[in-house]
Amino acid sequence: MFGVEDFLPEQTADDTDLAWGDWRERDTDAFYLDNRPPHWG
């Protein structure tokens, strides 16, 4: 007999930290480099 665990994942893709916008990187400068103002070129 099959249970729910056999068909459903423990965590869905939209319930991850990345999907919620909470990403972590080792390099703390990456956040600032990715979010530079447009006039910085």
Protein backbone atom coordinates (compact mmCIF):
# COMPACT_ATOMS: atom_id res chain seq x y z
CA MET A 1 0.00 0.00 0.00
CA PHE A 2 1.23 3.50 -0.82
CA GLY A 3 1.19 6.44 1.54
CA VAL A 4 1.17 10.17 0.92
CA GLU A 5 4.95 10.25 1.43
CA ASP A 6 5.40 8.11 -1.67
CA PHE A 7 3.82 10.73 -3.96
CA LEU A 8 4.38 14.15 -2.40
CA PRO A 9 7.76 15.75 -1.77
CA GLU A 10 8.62 16.86 1.73
CA GLN A 11 9.14 20.45 0.52
CA THR A 12 7.84 22.00 -2.67
CA ALA A 13 9.89 24.29 -4.91
CA ASP A 14 7.85 27.36 -3.99
CA ASP A 15 8.38 26.75 -0.26
CA THR A 16 12.13 27.20 -0.29
CA ASP A 17 14.19 30.12 0.96
CA LEU A 18 15.10 31.01 -2.60
CA ALA A 19 11.47 31.11 -3.70
CA TRP A 20 10.63 33.42 -0.81
CA GLY A 21 13.50 35.72 -1.78
CA ASP A 22 15.74 34.75 1.13
CA TRP A 23 18.99 33.79 -0.54
CA ARG A 24 22.27 33.69 1.24
CA GLU A 25 25.69 34.01 -0.29
CA ARG A 26 29.08 33.79 1.29
CA ASP A 27 30.20 36.97 -0.40
CA THR A 28 28.36 39.80 1.33
CA ASP A 29 29.30 42.24 -1.46
CA ALA A 30 27.31 40.25 -4.03
CA PHE A 31 24.06 41.76 -2.76
CA TYR A 32 25.33 45.30 -3.27
CA LEU A 33 26.88 44.55 -6.66
CA ASP A 34 23.62 42.99 -7.90
CA ASN A 35 21.54 45.93 -6.68
CA ARG A 36 23.61 48.82 -8.00
CA PRO A 37 21.75 51.96 -9.05
CA PRO A 38 21.22 52.29 -12.83
CA HIS A 39 23.43 55.35 -13.07
CA TRP A 40 26.44 53.28 -11.97
CA GLY A 41 26.55 51.70 -15.44
